[in-house]
Amino acid sequence: MTLLVYMNDEWATGGAGRLRVLYDGQNFEPYAAEVPPTMGTMFAFLRADHSWHGHKPFVGERKVIQVTWVTNADELARKKKRNKAAQFFKGIFGR
């Protein structure tokens, strides 16, 4: 499970940076729901092979607290590997 709590006082970038719940892993539109990343907005979902989500690119700061609950060592290893790759690319391309 993943729980997100957004900590941004305001969000004026249009659709960029807003979490989208997607219908599939191929298309960004249409989407099932869009979550504004404003102060106190909370969103939780069960992580699965079909829990597609993401956000349009944006420039700037996006404050969020993320809590992830994993149930076994394989899921923990997958999460650590993914995070390591994400941090590597953020280091190259910036945030």
PDB file of N, CA and C in Angstrom:
ATOM      1  N   MET A   1       0.841  -1.172   0.000  1.00  0.00           N
ATOM      2  CA  MET A   1       0.000   0.000   0.000  1.00  0.00           C
ATOM      3  C   MET A   1       0.889   1.239   0.000  1.00  0.00           C
ATOM      4  N   THR A   2       0.430   2.273  -0.651  1.00  0.00           N
ATOM      5  CA  THR A   2       1.114   3.559  -0.647  1.00  0.00           C
ATOM      6  C   THR A   2       0.141   4.632  -0.182  1.00  0.00           C
ATOM      7  N   LEU A   3       0.608   5.494   0.697  1.00  0.00           N
ATOM      8  CA  LEU A   3      -0.177   6.614   1.196  1.00  0.00           C
ATOM      9  C   LEU A   3       0.595   7.890   0.895  1.00  0.00           C
ATOM     10  N   LEU A   4      -0.064   8.848   0.260  1.00  0.00           N
ATOM     11  CA  LEU A   4       0.533  10.143  -0.058  1.00  0.00           C
ATOM     12  C   LEU A   4      -0.219  11.234   0.691  1.00  0.00           C
ATOM     13  N   VAL A   5       0.532  12.149   1.310  1.00  0.00           N
ATOM     14  CA  VAL A   5      -0.050  13.328   1.950  1.00  0.00           C
ATOM     15  C   VAL A   5       0.663  14.535   1.353  1.00  0.00           C
ATOM     16  N   TYR A   6      -0.088  15.383   0.679  1.00  0.00           N
ATOM     17  CA  TYR A   6       0.503  16.540   0.013  1.00  0.00           C
ATOM     18  C   TYR A   6       0.638  17.710   0.975  1.00  0.00           C
ATOM     19  N   MET A   7       1.713  18.492   0.782  1.00  0.00           N
ATOM     20  CA  MET A   7       2.073  19.565   1.712  1.00  0.00           C
ATOM     21  C   MET A   7       2.289  20.905   1.003  1.00  0.00           C
ATOM     22  N   ASN A   8       1.668  21.118  -0.133  1.00  0.00           N
ATOM     23  CA  ASN A   8       1.826  22.366  -0.897  1.00  0.00           C
ATOM     24  C   ASN A   8       0.715  23.338  -0.517  1.00  0.00           C
ATOM     25  N   ASP A   9       1.081  24.568  -0.158  1.00  0.00           N
ATOM     26  CA  ASP A   9       0.082  25.563   0.232  1.00  0.00           C
ATOM     27  C   ASP A   9      -0.893  25.876  -0.898  1.00  0.00           C
ATOM     28  N   GLU A  10      -0.393  25.902  -2.116  1.00  0.00           N
ATOM     29  CA  GLU A  10      -1.249  26.167  -3.283  1.00  0.00           C
ATOM     30  C   GLU A  10      -0.665  25.423  -4.473  1.00  0.00           C
ATOM     31  N   TRP A  11      -1.446  25.303  -5.531  1.00  0.00           N
ATOM     32  CA  TRP A  11      -0.984  24.631  -6.743  1.00  0.00           C
ATOM     33  C   TRP A  11      -1.582  25.337  -7.940  1.00  0.00           C
ATOM     34  N   ALA A  12      -0.756  26.091  -8.646  1.00  0.00           N
ATOM     35  CA  ALA A  12      -1.251  26.908  -9.756  1.00  0.00           C
ATOM     36  C   ALA A  12      -0.604  26.521 -11.079  1.00  0.00           C
ATOM     37  N   THR A  13      -0.218  25.259 -11.242  1.00  0.00           N
ATOM     38  CA  THR A  13       0.453  24.851 -12.480  1.00  0.00           C
ATOM     39  C   THR A  13      -0.474  24.098 -13.420  1.00  0.00           C
ATOM     40  N   GLY A  14      -1.767  24.301 -13.280  1.00  0.00           N
ATOM     41  CA  GLY A  14      -2.703  23.579 -14.129  1.00  0.00           C
ATOM     42  C   GLY A  14      -2.671  22.098 -13.811  1.00  0.00           C
ATOM     43  N   GLY A  15      -2.675  21.263 -14.838  1.00  0.00           N
ATOM     44  CA  GLY A  15      -2.671  19.819 -14.634  1.00  0.00           C
ATOM     45  C   GLY A  15      -1.310  19.228 -14.328  1.00  0.00           C
ATOM     46  N   ALA A  16      -0.247  19.968 -14.556  1.00  0.00           N
ATOM     47  CA  ALA A  16       1.097  19.443 -14.324  1.00  0.00           C
ATOM     48  C   ALA A  16       1.311  19.168 -12.841  1.00  0.00           C
ATOM     49  N   GLY A  17       1.886  18.002 -12.535  1.00  0.00           N
ATOM     50  CA  GLY A  17       2.189  17.648 -11.162  1.00  0.00           C
ATOM     51  C   GLY A  17       1.036  17.064 -10.374  1.00  0.00           C
ATOM     52  N   ARG A  18      -0.156  17.022 -10.939  1.00  0.00           N
ATOM     53  CA  ARG A  18      -1.307  16.432 -10.249  1.00  0.00           C
ATOM     54  C   ARG A  18      -1.315  14.929 -10.507  1.00  0.00           C
ATOM     55  N   LEU A  19      -1.414  14.143  -9.435  1.00  0.00           N
ATOM     56  CA  LEU A  19      -1.429  12.692  -9.561  1.00  0.00           C
ATOM     57  C   LEU A  19      -2.664  12.249 -10.333  1.00  0.00           C
ATOM     58  N   ARG A  20      -2.454  11.393 -11.299  1.00  0.00           N
ATOM     59  CA  ARG A  20      -3.571  10.816 -12.047  1.00  0.00           C
ATOM     60  C   ARG A  20      -3.648   9.319 -11.801  1.00  0.00           C
ATOM     61  N   VAL A  21      -4.856   8.852 -11.586  1.00  0.00           N
ATOM     62  CA  VAL A  21      -5.136   7.419 -11.518  1.00  0.00           C
ATOM     63  C   VAL A  21      -5.515   7.017 -12.929  1.00  0.00           C
ATOM     64  N   LEU A  22      -4.753   6.083 -13.494  1.00  0.00           N
ATOM     65  CA  LEU A  22      -4.897   5.741 -14.911  1.00  0.00           C
ATOM     66  C   LEU A  22      -5.650   4.428 -15.104  1.00  0.00           C
ATOM     67  N   TYR A  23      -6.256   4.290 -16.275  1.00  0.00           N
ATOM     68  CA  TYR A  23      -6.985   3.066 -16.609  1.00  0.00           C
ATOM     69  C   TYR A  23      -6.063   1.935 -17.053  1.00  0.00           C
ATOM     70  N   ASP A  24      -4.913   2.286 -17.593  1.00  0.00           N
ATOM     71  CA  ASP A  24      -3.990   1.264 -18.073  1.00  0.00           C
ATOM     72  C   ASP A  24      -2.561   1.785 -17.998  1.00  0.00           C
ATOM     73  N   GLY A  25      -1.620   0.930 -18.334  1.00  0.00           N
ATOM     74  CA  GLY A  25      -0.218   1.298 -18.265  1.00  0.00           C
ATOM     75  C   GLY A  25       0.328   1.915 -19.533  1.00  0.00           C
ATOM     76  N   GLN A  26      -0.534   2.219 -20.497  1.00  0.00           N
ATOM     77  CA  GLN A  26      -0.097   2.738 -21.780  1.00  0.00           C
ATOM     78  C   GLN A  26      -0.522   4.177 -22.046  1.00  0.00           C
ATOM     79  N   ASN A  27      -1.668   4.575 -21.514  1.00  0.00           N
ATOM     80  CA  ASN A  27      -2.250   5.874 -21.868  1.00  0.00           C
ATOM     81  C   ASN A  27      -2.396   6.774 -20.649  1.00  0.00           C
ATOM     82  N   PHE A  28      -2.053   8.043 -20.826  1.00  0.00           N
ATOM     83  CA  PHE A  28      -2.174   9.020 -19.755  1.00  0.00           C
ATOM     84  C   PHE A  28      -3.544   9.686 -19.748  1.00  0.00           C
ATOM     85  N   GLU A  29      -4.255   9.574 -20.857  1.00  0.00           N
ATOM     86  CA  GLU A  29      -5.625  10.083 -20.975  1.00  0.00           C
ATOM     87  C   GLU A  29      -6.428   9.069 -21.751  1.00  0.00           C
ATOM     88  N   PRO A  30      -7.674   8.869 -21.424  1.00  0.00           N
ATOM     89  CA  PRO A  30      -8.393   9.441 -20.289  1.00  0.00           C
ATOM     90  C   PRO A  30      -7.883   8.837 -18.976  1.00  0.00           C
ATOM     91  N   TYR A  31      -8.245   9.470 -17.874  1.00  0.00           N
ATOM     92  CA  TYR A  31      -7.826   9.003 -16.557  1.00  0.00           C
ATOM     93  C   TYR A  31      -9.053   8.867 -15.658  1.00  0.00           C
ATOM     94  N   ALA A  32      -8.928   8.033 -14.626  1.00  0.00           N
ATOM     95  CA  ALA A  32     -10.056   7.761 -13.734  1.00  0.00           C
ATOM     96  C   ALA A  32     -10.260   8.871 -12.708  1.00  0.00           C
ATOM     97  N   ALA A  33      -9.162   9.463 -12.215  1.00  0.00           N
ATOM     98  CA  ALA A  33      -9.251  10.529 -11.214  1.00  0.00           C
ATOM     99  C   ALA A  33      -7.965  11.344 -11.244  1.00  0.00           C
ATOM    100  N   GLU A  34      -8.059  12.579 -10.782  1.00  0.00           N
ATOM    101  CA  GLU A  34      -6.892  13.439 -10.667  1.00  0.00           C
ATOM    102  C   GLU A  34      -6.888  14.036  -9.261  1.00  0.00           C
ATOM    103  N   VAL A  35      -5.727  13.959  -8.585  1.00  0.00           N
ATOM    104  CA  VAL A  35      -5.612  14.388  -7.198  1.00  0.00           C
ATOM    105  C   VAL A  35      -4.801  15.686  -7.128  1.00  0.00           C
ATOM    106  N   PRO A  36      -5.391  16.760  -6.612  1.00  0.00           N
ATOM    107  CA  PRO A  36      -4.628  18.012  -6.484  1.00  0.00           C
ATOM    108  C   PRO A  36      -3.614  17.892  -5.343  1.00  0.00           C
ATOM    109  N   PRO A  37      -2.374  18.307  -5.561  1.00  0.00           N
ATOM    110  CA  PRO A  37      -1.338  18.171  -4.527  1.00  0.00           C
ATOM    111  C   PRO A  37      -1.321  19.327  -3.531  1.00  0.00           C
ATOM    112  N   THR A  38      -2.494  19.673  -3.010  1.00  0.00           N
ATOM    113  CA  THR A  38      -2.579  20.810  -2.089  1.00  0.00           C
ATOM    114  C   THR A  38      -2.599  20.338  -0.633  1.00  0.00           C
ATOM    115  N   MET A  39      -2.246  21.233   0.260  1.00  0.00           N
ATOM    116  CA  MET A  39      -2.044  20.960   1.680  1.00  0.00           C
ATOM    117  C   MET A  39      -3.143  20.081   2.274  1.00  0.00           C
ATOM    118  N   GLY A  40      -2.728  18.957   2.823  1.00  0.00           N
ATOM    119  CA  GLY A  40      -3.644  18.063   3.517  1.00  0.00           C
ATOM    120  C   GLY A  40      -4.368  17.058   2.650  1.00  0.00           C
ATOM    121  N   THR A  41      -4.261  17.179   1.328  1.00  0.00           N
ATOM    122  CA  THR A  41      -4.898  16.181   0.466  1.00  0.00           C
ATOM    123  C   THR A  41      -4.167  14.862   0.668  1.00  0.00           C
ATOM    124  N   MET A  42      -4.937  13.804   0.894  1.00  0.00           N
ATOM    125  CA  MET A  42      -4.358  12.492   1.127  1.00  0.00           C
ATOM    126  C   MET A  42      -4.929  11.515   0.108  1.00  0.00           C
ATOM    127  N   PHE A  43      -4.060  10.633  -0.383  1.00  0.00           N
ATOM    128  CA  PHE A  43      -4.473   9.623  -1.355  1.00  0.00           C
ATOM    129  C   PHE A  43      -3.761   8.323  -1.014  1.00  0.00           C
ATOM    130  N   ALA A  44      -4.505   7.227  -0.957  1.00  0.00           N
ATOM    131  CA  ALA A  44      -3.916   5.921  -0.663  1.00  0.00           C
ATOM    132  C   ALA A  44      -4.402   4.920  -1.697  1.00  0.00           C
ATOM    133  N   PHE A  45      -3.531   3.991  -2.049  1.00  0.00           N
ATOM    134  CA  PHE A  45      -3.918   2.944  -2.995  1.00  0.00           C
ATOM    135  C   PHE A  45      -3.113   1.682  -2.730  1.00  0.00           C
ATOM    136  N   LEU A  46      -3.689   0.559  -3.093  1.00  0.00           N
ATOM    137  CA  LEU A  46      -2.979  -0.709  -2.997  1.00  0.00           C
ATOM    138  C   LEU A  46      -2.082  -0.846  -4.204  1.00  0.00           C
ATOM    139  N   ARG A  47      -0.840  -1.136  -3.985  1.00  0.00           N
ATOM    140  CA  ARG A  47       0.123  -1.325  -5.065  1.00  0.00           C
ATOM    141  C   ARG A  47      -0.094  -2.703  -5.678  1.00  0.00           C
ATOM    142  N   ALA A  48      -0.234  -2.716  -7.004  1.00  0.00           N
ATOM    143  CA  ALA A  48      -0.436  -3.967  -7.743  1.00  0.00           C
ATOM    144  C   ALA A  48       0.102  -3.782  -9.156  1.00  0.00           C
ATOM    145  N   ASP A  49       0.151  -4.841  -9.918  1.00  0.00           N
ATOM    146  CA  ASP A  49       0.612  -4.754 -11.300  1.00  0.00           C
ATOM    147  C   ASP A  49      -0.326  -3.924 -12.167  1.00  0.00           C
ATOM    148  N   HIS A  50      -1.520  -3.640 -11.672  1.00  0.00           N
ATOM    149  CA  HIS A  50      -2.495  -2.849 -12.436  1.00  0.00           C
ATOM    150  C   HIS A  50      -2.904  -1.571 -11.688  1.00  0.00           C
ATOM    151  N   SER A  51      -2.037  -1.064 -10.831  1.00  0.00           N
ATOM    152  CA  SER A  51      -2.337   0.201 -10.129  1.00  0.00           C
ATOM    153  C   SER A  51      -1.581   1.339 -10.816  1.00  0.00           C
ATOM    154  N   TRP A  52      -2.031   1.679 -12.005  1.00  0.00           N
ATOM    155  CA  TRP A  52      -1.334   2.664 -12.829  1.00  0.00           C
ATOM    156  C   TRP A  52      -1.617   4.072 -12.342  1.00  0.00           C
ATOM    157  N   HIS A  53      -0.555   4.864 -12.259  1.00  0.00           N
ATOM    158  CA  HIS A  53      -0.680   6.241 -11.803  1.00  0.00           C
ATOM    159  C   HIS A  53       0.556   7.014 -12.244  1.00  0.00           C
ATOM    160  N   GLY A  54       0.448   8.323 -12.219  1.00  0.00           N
ATOM    161  CA  GLY A  54       1.570   9.176 -12.597  1.00  0.00           C
ATOM    162  C   GLY A  54       1.121  10.622 -12.646  1.00  0.00           C
ATOM    163  N   HIS A  55       2.025  11.506 -13.060  1.00  0.00           N
ATOM    164  CA  HIS A  55       1.660  12.914 -13.208  1.00  0.00           C
ATOM    165  C   HIS A  55       2.403  13.499 -14.399  1.00  0.00           C
ATOM    166  N   LYS A  56       1.805  14.535 -14.979  1.00  0.00           N
ATOM    167  CA  LYS A  56       2.456  15.232 -16.082  1.00  0.00           C
ATOM    168  C   LYS A  56       3.687  15.952 -15.552  1.00  0.00           C
ATOM    169  N   PRO A  57       4.725  16.074 -16.374  1.00  0.00           N
ATOM    170  CA  PRO A  57       5.948  16.766 -15.935  1.00  0.00           C
ATOM    171  C   PRO A  57       5.660  18.221 -15.562  1.00  0.00           C
ATOM    172  N   PHE A  58       6.436  18.720 -14.640  1.00  0.00           N
ATOM    173  CA  PHE A  58       6.335  20.113 -14.241  1.00  0.00           C
ATOM    174  C   PHE A  58       7.693  20.571 -13.734  1.00  0.00           C
ATOM    175  N   VAL A  59       7.862  21.870 -13.623  1.00  0.00           N
ATOM    176  CA  VAL A  59       9.096  22.448 -13.091  1.00  0.00           C
ATOM    177  C   VAL A  59       8.755  23.100 -11.766  1.00  0.00           C
ATOM    178  N   GLY A  60       9.521  22.789 -10.735  1.00  0.00           N
ATOM    179  CA  GLY A  60       9.291  23.400  -9.438  1.00  0.00           C
ATOM    180  C   GLY A  60       9.296  22.382  -8.326  1.00  0.00           C
ATOM    181  N   GLU A  61       8.868  22.833  -7.169  1.00  0.00           N
ATOM    182  CA  GLU A  61       8.869  22.013  -5.975  1.00  0.00           C
ATOM    183  C   GLU A  61       7.499  21.374  -5.782  1.00  0.00           C
ATOM    184  N   ARG A  62       7.495  20.115  -5.412  1.00  0.00           N
ATOM    185  CA  ARG A  62       6.261  19.375  -5.148  1.00  0.00           C
ATOM    186  C   ARG A  62       6.469  18.646  -3.835  1.00  0.00           C
ATOM    187  N   LYS A  63       5.823  19.109  -2.775  1.00  0.00           N
ATOM    188  CA  LYS A  63       6.041  18.554  -1.443  1.00  0.00           C
ATOM    189  C   LYS A  63       5.003  17.467  -1.155  1.00  0.00           C
ATOM    190  N   VAL A  64       5.512  16.287  -0.786  1.00  0.00           N
ATOM    191  CA  VAL A  64       4.628  15.167  -0.477  1.00  0.00           C
ATOM    192  C   VAL A  64       5.315  14.255   0.529  1.00  0.00           C
ATOM    193  N   ILE A  65       4.534  13.721   1.448  1.00  0.00           N
ATOM    194  CA  ILE A  65       5.012  12.682   2.348  1.00  0.00           C
ATOM    195  C   ILE A  65       4.484  11.373   1.790  1.00  0.00           C
ATOM    196  N   GLN A  66       5.380  10.409   1.605  1.00  0.00           N
ATOM    197  CA  GLN A  66       4.980   9.113   1.067  1.00  0.00           C
ATOM    198  C   GLN A  66       5.303   8.027   2.081  1.00  0.00           C
ATOM    199  N   VAL A  67       4.306   7.209   2.372  1.00  0.00           N
ATOM    200  CA  VAL A  67       4.483   6.060   3.249  1.00  0.00           C
ATOM    201  C   VAL A  67       4.134   4.828   2.423  1.00  0.00           C
ATOM    202  N   THR A  68       5.036   3.859   2.425  1.00  0.00           N
ATOM    203  CA  THR A  68       4.809   2.636   1.665  1.00  0.00           C
ATOM    204  C   THR A  68       4.868   1.445   2.607  1.00  0.00           C
ATOM    205  N   TRP A  69       3.858   0.599   2.526  1.00  0.00           N
ATOM    206  CA  TRP A  69       3.796  -0.607   3.343  1.00  0.00           C
ATOM    207  C   TRP A  69       4.061  -1.791   2.427  1.00  0.00           C
ATOM    208  N   VAL A  70       5.107  -2.554   2.738  1.00  0.00           N
ATOM    209  CA  VAL A  70       5.414  -3.756   1.958  1.00  0.00           C
ATOM    210  C   VAL A  70       5.242  -4.974   2.852  1.00  0.00           C
ATOM    211  N   THR A  71       4.911  -6.092   2.249  1.00  0.00           N
ATOM    212  CA  THR A  71       4.567  -7.281   3.033  1.00  0.00           C
ATOM    213  C   THR A  71       5.598  -8.398   2.978  1.00  0.00           C
ATOM    214  N   ASN A  72       6.611  -8.262   2.107  1.00  0.00           N
ATOM    215  CA  ASN A  72       7.611  -9.318   2.071  1.00  0.00           C
ATOM    216  C   ASN A  72       8.943  -8.780   1.552  1.00  0.00           C
ATOM    217  N   ALA A  73       9.981  -9.576   1.674  1.00  0.00           N
ATOM    218  CA  ALA A  73      11.330  -9.158   1.304  1.00  0.00           C
ATOM    219  C   ALA A  73      11.459  -8.871  -0.190  1.00  0.00           C
ATOM    220  N   ASP A  74      10.752  -9.614  -1.041  1.00  0.00           N
ATOM    221  CA  ASP A  74      10.814  -9.382  -2.488  1.00  0.00           C
ATOM    222  C   ASP A  74      10.288  -7.994  -2.845  1.00  0.00           C
ATOM    223  N   GLU A  75       9.179  -7.590  -2.235  1.00  0.00           N
ATOM    224  CA  GLU A  75       8.616  -6.272  -2.496  1.00  0.00           C
ATOM    225  C   GLU A  75       9.535  -5.168  -1.972  1.00  0.00           C
ATOM    226  N   LEU A  76      10.164  -5.396  -0.828  1.00  0.00           N
ATOM    227  CA  LEU A  76      11.102  -4.421  -0.289  1.00  0.00           C
ATOM    228  C   LEU A  76      12.297  -4.255  -1.217  1.00  0.00           C
ATOM    229  N   ALA A  77      12.823  -5.358  -1.735  1.00  0.00           N
ATOM    230  CA  ALA A  77      13.959  -5.298  -2.664  1.00  0.00           C
ATOM    231  C   ALA A  77      13.575  -4.566  -3.944  1.00  0.00           C
ATOM    232  N   ARG A  78      12.369  -4.828  -4.469  1.00  0.00           N
ATOM    233  CA  ARG A  78      11.883  -4.150  -5.681  1.00  0.00           C
ATOM    234  C   ARG A  78      11.791  -2.653  -5.445  1.00  0.00           C
ATOM    235  N   LYS A  79      11.253  -2.266  -4.287  1.00  0.00           N
ATOM    236  CA  LYS A  79      11.075  -0.850  -3.962  1.00  0.00           C
ATOM    237  C   LYS A  79      12.437  -0.152  -3.823  1.00  0.00           C
ATOM    238  N   LYS A  80      13.392  -0.808  -3.174  1.00  0.00           N
ATOM    239  CA  LYS A  80      14.722  -0.219  -3.013  1.00  0.00           C
ATOM    240  C   LYS A  80      15.417  -0.061  -4.353  1.00  0.00           C
ATOM    241  N   LYS A  81      15.290  -1.063  -5.216  1.00  0.00           N
ATOM    242  CA  LYS A  81      15.919  -0.999  -6.541  1.00  0.00           C
ATOM    243  C   LYS A  81      15.321   0.142  -7.354  1.00  0.00           C
ATOM    244  N   ARG A  82      14.004   0.261  -7.339  1.00  0.00           N
ATOM    245  CA  ARG A  82      13.332   1.324  -8.085  1.00  0.00           C
ATOM    246  C   ARG A  82      13.734   2.695  -7.560  1.00  0.00           C
ATOM    247  N   ASN A  83      13.793   2.844  -6.239  1.00  0.00           N
ATOM    248  CA  ASN A  83      14.169   4.123  -5.647  1.00  0.00           C
ATOM    249  C   ASN A  83      15.611   4.486  -5.991  1.00  0.00           C
ATOM    250  N   LYS A  84      16.497   3.510  -5.994  1.00  0.00           N
ATOM    251  CA  LYS A  84      17.900   3.760  -6.333  1.00  0.00           C
ATOM    252  C   LYS A  84      18.020   4.281  -7.768  1.00  0.00           C
ATOM    253  N   ALA A  85      17.262   3.667  -8.691  1.00  0.00           N
ATOM    254  CA  ALA A  85      17.281   4.108 -10.088  1.00  0.00           C
ATOM    255  C   ALA A  85      16.707   5.518 -10.214  1.00  0.00           C
ATOM    256  N   ALA A  86      15.616   5.793  -9.523  1.00  0.00           N
ATOM    257  CA  ALA A  86      14.991   7.118  -9.587  1.00  0.00           C
ATOM    258  C   ALA A  86      15.948   8.181  -9.063  1.00  0.00           C
ATOM    259  N   GLN A  87      16.626   7.914  -7.962  1.00  0.00           N
ATOM    260  CA  GLN A  87      17.566   8.875  -7.407  1.00  0.00           C
ATOM    261  C   GLN A  87      18.739   9.117  -8.353  1.00  0.00           C
ATOM    262  N   PHE A  88      19.192   8.073  -9.031  1.00  0.00           N
ATOM    263  CA  PHE A  88      20.270   8.200 -10.011  1.00  0.00           C
ATOM    264  C   PHE A  88      19.874   9.172 -11.122  1.00  0.00           C
ATOM    265  N   PHE A  89      18.689   8.970 -11.702  1.00  0.00           N
ATOM    266  CA  PHE A  89      18.241   9.822 -12.801  1.00  0.00           C
ATOM    267  C   PHE A  89      17.927  11.242 -12.340  1.00  0.00           C
ATOM    268  N   LYS A  90      17.413  11.400 -11.128  1.00  0.00           N
ATOM    269  CA  LYS A  90      17.185  12.749 -10.597  1.00  0.00           C
ATOM    270  C   LYS A  90      18.505  13.482 -10.429  1.00  0.00           C
ATOM    271  N   GLY A  91      19.554  12.744 -10.073  1.00  0.00           N
ATOM    272  CA  GLY A  91      20.871  13.352  -9.944  1.00  0.00           C
ATOM    273  C   GLY A  91      21.414  13.850 -11.264  1.00  0.00           C
ATOM    274  N   ILE A  92      21.084  13.140 -12.338  1.00  0.00           N
ATOM    275  CA  ILE A  92      21.552  13.532 -13.677  1.00  0.00           C
ATOM    276  C   ILE A  92      20.706  14.664 -14.249  1.00  0.00           C
ATOM    277  N   PHE A  93      19.392  14.499 -14.184  1.00  0.00           N
ATOM    278  CA  PHE A  93      18.475  15.425 -14.838  1.00  0.00           C
ATOM    279  C   PHE A  93      17.904  16.493 -13.919  1.00  0.00           C
ATOM    280  N   GLY A  94      18.169  16.406 -12.649  1.00  0.00           N
ATOM    281  CA  GLY A  94      17.620  17.381 -11.696  1.00  0.00           C
ATOM    282  C   GLY A  94      16.216  17.013 -11.298  1.00  0.00           C
ATOM    283  N   ARG A  95      15.670  17.787 -10.416  1.00  0.00           N
ATOM    284  CA  ARG A  95      14.318  17.513  -9.921  1.00  0.00           C
ATOM    285  C   ARG A  95      13.407  18.379 -10.637  1.00  0.00           C
TER     286      ARG A  95
END
